[in-house]
């Protein structure tokens, strides 16, 4: 893990223009897909988080350098692994005119990595998360994200060690951990939030700031500047 005066933090804004890929080491499908307006929301939040963390002295790497950059899930994990990041965090929300969830209404969740969580390849082979040390650190960081996000967002946040259902039910590869977390060799916290502000099918600037502030406070508490 990175250490010293400028810890490396990787920020992963969720979703991509449609892109296909297979992880060469595991055979997992690492394709990603566009999801609007969520993709635009979370990229804006990621920019806020990056700016605040860089001002505080962190070295920050985004898994996407632009909103429309095609980026597989495997590429996202590779970026964090190659940087030996002290912490990686994914940013997602539940925005949308059909089925969107209000920012204060629900789906405000922090997911951490846990031993035994898995995904399946197209051939049905299970790829299981096994790193106990990484899982312990991810769990500790997850509790901090839960606390700090609740404080800054002003509503309750759930903490979970896996998705809570089989992702195959949504047409994704079967399993119960987000693929970026499974392929990561660094602690990776995956954040979900409600995505609709009042009268909107996306987040307004005030909600984006609240989300970003909670994430920044979480990083600062997990990986203090030395």
Protein backbone atom coordinates (compact mmCIF):
# COMPACT_ATOMS: atom_id res chain seq x y z
CA UNK A 1 0.00 0.00 0.00
CA UNK A 2 1.14 3.54 -0.63
CA UNK A 3 2.36 5.49 2.37
CA UNK A 4 4.25 8.62 3.26
CA UNK A 5 3.35 12.24 2.70
CA UNK A 6 1.15 11.75 -0.38
CA UNK A 7 -1.01 8.62 -0.12
CA UNK A 8 -2.47 7.40 -3.42
CA UNK A 9 -6.27 7.37 -3.58
CA UNK A 10 -8.06 5.89 -6.60
CA UNK A 11 -11.53 7.25 -7.37
CA UNK A 12 -13.78 5.13 -9.58
CA UNK A 13 -16.79 6.99 -11.04
CA UNK A 14 -19.32 4.32 -11.95
CA UNK A 15 -20.28 3.20 -15.45
CA UNK A 16 -18.88 3.69 -18.93
CA UNK A 17 -20.06 3.95 -22.48
CA UNK A 18 -20.70 0.34 -23.45
CA UNK A 19 -17.44 -1.60 -23.52
CA UNK A 20 -16.75 -5.35 -23.57
CA UNK A 21 -13.88 -7.29 -22.07
CA UNK A 22 -12.69 -10.46 -20.36
CA UNK A 23 -10.21 -10.55 -17.50
CA UNK A 24 -7.28 -12.65 -18.74
CA UNK A 25 -6.37 -14.00 -15.30
CA UNK A 26 -9.82 -15.17 -14.17
CA UNK A 27 -12.00 -15.35 -17.28
CA UNK A 28 -14.54 -13.00 -15.70
CA UNK A 29 -16.66 -10.79 -17.92
CA UNK A 30 -15.45 -7.27 -17.11
CA UNK A 31 -17.73 -5.43 -19.53
CA UNK A 32 -19.39 -2.19 -18.45
CA UNK A 33 -22.40 -0.25 -19.67
CA UNK A 34 -23.76 3.27 -19.82
CA UNK A 35 -26.31 4.29 -17.22
CA UNK A 36 -27.62 7.84 -17.41
CA UNK A 37 -28.07 10.16 -15.63
CA UNK A 38 -26.12 8.22 -12.99
CA UNK A 39 -22.91 8.19 -15.03
CA UNK A 40 -22.95 11.98 -15.31
CA UNK A 41 -23.87 12.46 -11.63
CA UNK A 42 -21.10 10.34 -10.23
CA UNK A 43 -18.44 11.74 -12.54
CA UNK A 44 -19.31 15.19 -11.20
CA UNK A 45 -19.06 13.89 -7.62
CA UNK A 46 -15.72 12.26 -8.42
CA UNK A 47 -14.37 15.59 -9.68
CA UNK A 48 -15.39 17.27 -6.43
CA UNK A 49 -13.76 14.53 -4.35
CA UNK A 50 -10.57 14.68 -6.39
CA UNK A 51 -10.29 18.45 -6.04
CA UNK A 52 -10.79 18.35 -2.27
CA UNK A 53 -8.36 15.47 -1.72
CA UNK A 54 -5.66 16.99 -3.90
CA UNK A 55 -6.00 20.25 -1.98
CA UNK A 56 -5.47 18.23 1.21
CA UNK A 57 -2.25 16.74 -0.16
CA UNK A 58 -3.31 13.36 -1.51
CA UNK A 59 -2.23 11.96 -4.85
CA UNK A 60 -5.46 11.11 -6.68
CA UNK A 61 -5.99 8.88 -9.72
CA UNK A 62 -9.34 8.55 -11.50
CA UNK A 63 -10.19 5.33 -13.31
CA UNK A 64 -11.76 7.48 -16.05
CA UNK A 65 -10.22 10.72 -17.26
CA UNK A 66 -13.38 11.83 -19.05
CA UNK A 67 -17.10 11.11 -18.76
CA UNK A 68 -17.28 9.11 -21.99
CA UNK A 69 -13.99 7.21 -21.76
CA UNK A 70 -14.70 3.50 -22.36
CA UNK A 71 -13.37 1.72 -19.27
CA UNK A 72 -13.88 -1.95 -18.40
CA UNK A 73 -14.26 -3.12 -14.83
CA UNK A 74 -10.96 -4.96 -15.19
CA UNK A 75 -9.18 -1.80 -16.27
CA UNK A 76 -10.49 0.00 -13.19
CA UNK A 77 -9.06 -2.65 -10.87
CA UNK A 78 -5.78 -2.70 -12.82
CA UNK A 79 -5.33 1.04 -12.31
CA UNK A 80 -5.67 0.75 -8.53
CA UNK A 81 -3.43 -2.30 -8.36
CA UNK A 82 -0.69 -0.74 -10.47
CA UNK A 83 -0.74 2.40 -8.31
CA UNK A 84 -0.52 0.33 -5.08
CA UNK A 85 -3.29 2.62 -3.85
CA UNK A 86 -3.84 3.07 -0.15
CA UNK A 87 -7.58 3.03 -0.87
CA UNK A 88 -9.92 2.84 -3.87
CA UNK A 89 -13.54 3.96 -3.82
CA UNK A 90 -16.33 3.53 -6.33
CA UNK A 91 -19.05 6.16 -6.60
CA UNK A 92 -22.55 5.17 -7.77
CA UNK A 93 -26.11 6.40 -7.31
CA UNK A 94 -29.68 5.43 -8.19
CA UNK A 95 -30.62 8.28 -10.50
CA UNK A 96 -33.26 8.01 -13.18
CA UNK A 97 -36.66 9.21 -14.33
CA UNK A 98 -37.96 5.64 -14.16
CA UNK A 99 -37.25 3.95 -10.84
CA UNK A 100 -34.89 6.56 -9.49
CA UNK A 101 -34.51 6.73 -5.72
CA UNK A 102 -34.44 10.01 -3.83
CA UNK A 103 -31.11 11.04 -2.32
CA UNK A 104 -32.58 10.90 1.19
CA UNK A 105 -34.90 7.98 0.51
CA UNK A 106 -32.80 4.84 0.31
CA UNK A 107 -30.14 2.72 -1.35
CA UNK A 108 -27.50 4.61 0.63
CA UNK A 109 -25.05 1.75 1.08
CA UNK A 110 -21.35 1.12 1.71
CA UNK A 111 -20.00 -2.24 0.54
CA UNK A 112 -16.69 -3.68 1.72
CA UNK A 113 -14.72 -6.74 0.58
CA UNK A 114 -15.29 -10.01 2.41
CA UNK A 115 -13.65 -13.44 2.17
CA UNK A 116 -15.90 -15.93 0.40
CA UNK A 117 -17.71 -13.43 -1.83
CA UNK A 118 -17.60 -14.50 -5.48
CA UNK A 119 -18.56 -13.97 -9.11
CA UNK A 120 -18.89 -16.53 -11.88
CA UNK A 121 -17.30 -16.65 -15.33
CA UNK A 122 -19.47 -17.27 -18.41
CA UNK A 123 -18.41 -20.92 -18.12
CA UNK A 124 -19.76 -21.10 -14.57
CA UNK A 125 -16.44 -21.12 -12.70
CA UNK A 126 -16.54 -19.34 -9.34
CA UNK A 127 -13.86 -16.72 -8.66
CA UNK A 128 -13.72 -16.19 -4.89
CA UNK A 129 -12.31 -13.32 -2.84
CA UNK A 130 -9.70 -14.84 -0.49
CA UNK A 131 -7.42 -12.08 0.85
CA UNK A 132 -8.06 -12.00 4.60
CA UNK A 133 -5.80 -9.01 5.35
CA UNK A 134 -7.36 -6.92 2.61
CA UNK A 135 -10.84 -7.94 3.75
CA UNK A 136 -10.11 -6.90 7.35
CA UNK A 137 -8.85 -3.49 6.26
CA UNK A 138 -11.76 -3.04 3.86
CA UNK A 139 -14.23 -3.84 6.66
CA UNK A 140 -12.58 -1.30 8.96
CA UNK A 141 -12.65 1.34 6.23
CA UNK A 142 -16.25 0.47 5.38
CA UNK A 143 -17.38 1.28 8.92
CA UNK A 144 -15.66 4.66 8.65
CA UNK A 145 -17.36 5.40 5.33
CA UNK A 146 -20.71 4.44 6.86
CA UNK A 147 -20.21 6.85 9.76
CA UNK A 148 -18.79 9.78 7.80
CA UNK A 149 -21.26 9.57 4.94
CA UNK A 150 -24.17 9.50 7.40
CA UNK A 151 -22.80 12.58 9.12
CA UNK A 152 -22.33 14.63 5.95
CA UNK A 153 -25.28 13.36 3.92
CA UNK A 154 -27.73 13.65 6.81
CA UNK A 155 -29.38 10.23 6.56
CA UNK A 156 -28.68 6.63 7.54
CA UNK A 157 -26.17 4.53 5.59
CA UNK A 158 -26.19 0.73 5.46
CA UNK A 159 -22.95 -1.26 5.68
CA UNK A 160 -22.79 -4.56 3.80
CA UNK A 161 -20.17 -7.23 3.20
CA UNK A 162 -21.71 -8.30 -0.10
CA UNK A 163 -24.39 -7.19 -2.51
CA UNK A 164 -27.07 -9.11 -0.62
CA UNK A 165 -28.50 -11.00 -3.60
CA UNK A 166 -27.33 -12.88 -6.67
CA UNK A 167 -26.37 -10.36 -9.35
CA UNK A 168 -27.33 -12.96 -11.95
CA UNK A 169 -30.94 -11.98 -11.24
CA UNK A 170 -30.15 -8.62 -12.90
CA UNK A 171 -28.63 -10.17 -16.00
CA UNK A 172 -25.08 -9.62 -14.73
CA UNK A 173 -22.53 -12.40 -14.10
CA UNK A 174 -23.71 -14.45 -11.13
CA UNK A 175 -22.26 -13.71 -7.69
CA UNK A 176 -22.46 -11.31 -4.78
CA UNK A 177 -19.48 -8.93 -4.94
CA UNK A 178 -18.83 -6.06 -7.31
CA UNK A 179 -16.18 -7.14 -9.83
CA UNK A 180 -13.89 -4.17 -9.16
CA UNK A 181 -13.69 -5.23 -5.52
CA UNK A 182 -13.07 -8.87 -6.41
CA UNK A 183 -10.21 -8.08 -8.81
CA UNK A 184 -8.66 -5.42 -6.61
CA UNK A 185 -5.52 -6.11 -4.60
CA UNK A 186 -6.06 -2.96 -2.51
CA UNK A 187 -8.87 -2.05 -0.07
CA UNK A 188 -11.85 -1.02 -2.19
CA UNK A 189 -15.01 0.61 -0.84
CA UNK A 190 -18.04 0.64 -3.14
CA UNK A 191 -20.55 3.43 -2.48
CA UNK A 192 -24.19 3.63 -3.55
CA UNK A 193 -26.51 6.57 -2.93
CA UNK A 194 -30.01 7.64 -3.76
CA UNK A 195 -29.85 9.53 -7.03
CA UNK A 196 -32.84 11.85 -7.42
CA UNK A 197 -33.07 15.31 -5.89
CA UNK A 198 -36.49 16.92 -5.45
CA UNK A 199 -38.08 17.55 -8.84
CA UNK A 200 -35.11 16.05 -10.72
CA UNK A 201 -34.14 12.68 -12.17
CA UNK A 202 -30.56 13.24 -11.02
CA UNK A 203 -28.67 14.91 -8.17
CA UNK A 204 -28.62 18.67 -7.77
CA UNK A 205 -25.39 20.45 -6.87
CA UNK A 206 -26.22 20.54 -3.15
CA UNK A 207 -26.67 16.76 -2.99
CA UNK A 208 -23.50 16.21 -5.03
CA UNK A 209 -21.60 18.33 -2.52
CA UNK A 210 -23.02 16.43 0.44
CA UNK A 211 -22.10 13.09 -1.15
CA UNK A 212 -18.61 14.34 -2.02
CA UNK A 213 -17.99 15.82 1.43
CA UNK A 214 -18.85 12.53 3.11
CA UNK A 215 -16.51 10.63 0.82
CA UNK A 216 -13.66 13.09 1.40
CA UNK A 217 -14.09 12.92 5.18
CA UNK A 218 -14.11 9.12 4.94
CA UNK A 219 -10.83 9.01 3.01
CA UNK A 220 -9.19 11.44 5.41
CA UNK A 221 -10.25 9.29 8.39
CA UNK A 222 -9.18 6.00 6.75
CA UNK A 223 -5.83 7.20 5.34
CA UNK A 224 -4.66 10.23 7.32
CA UNK A 225 -1.93 12.42 5.86
CA UNK A 226 1.36 11.79 7.63
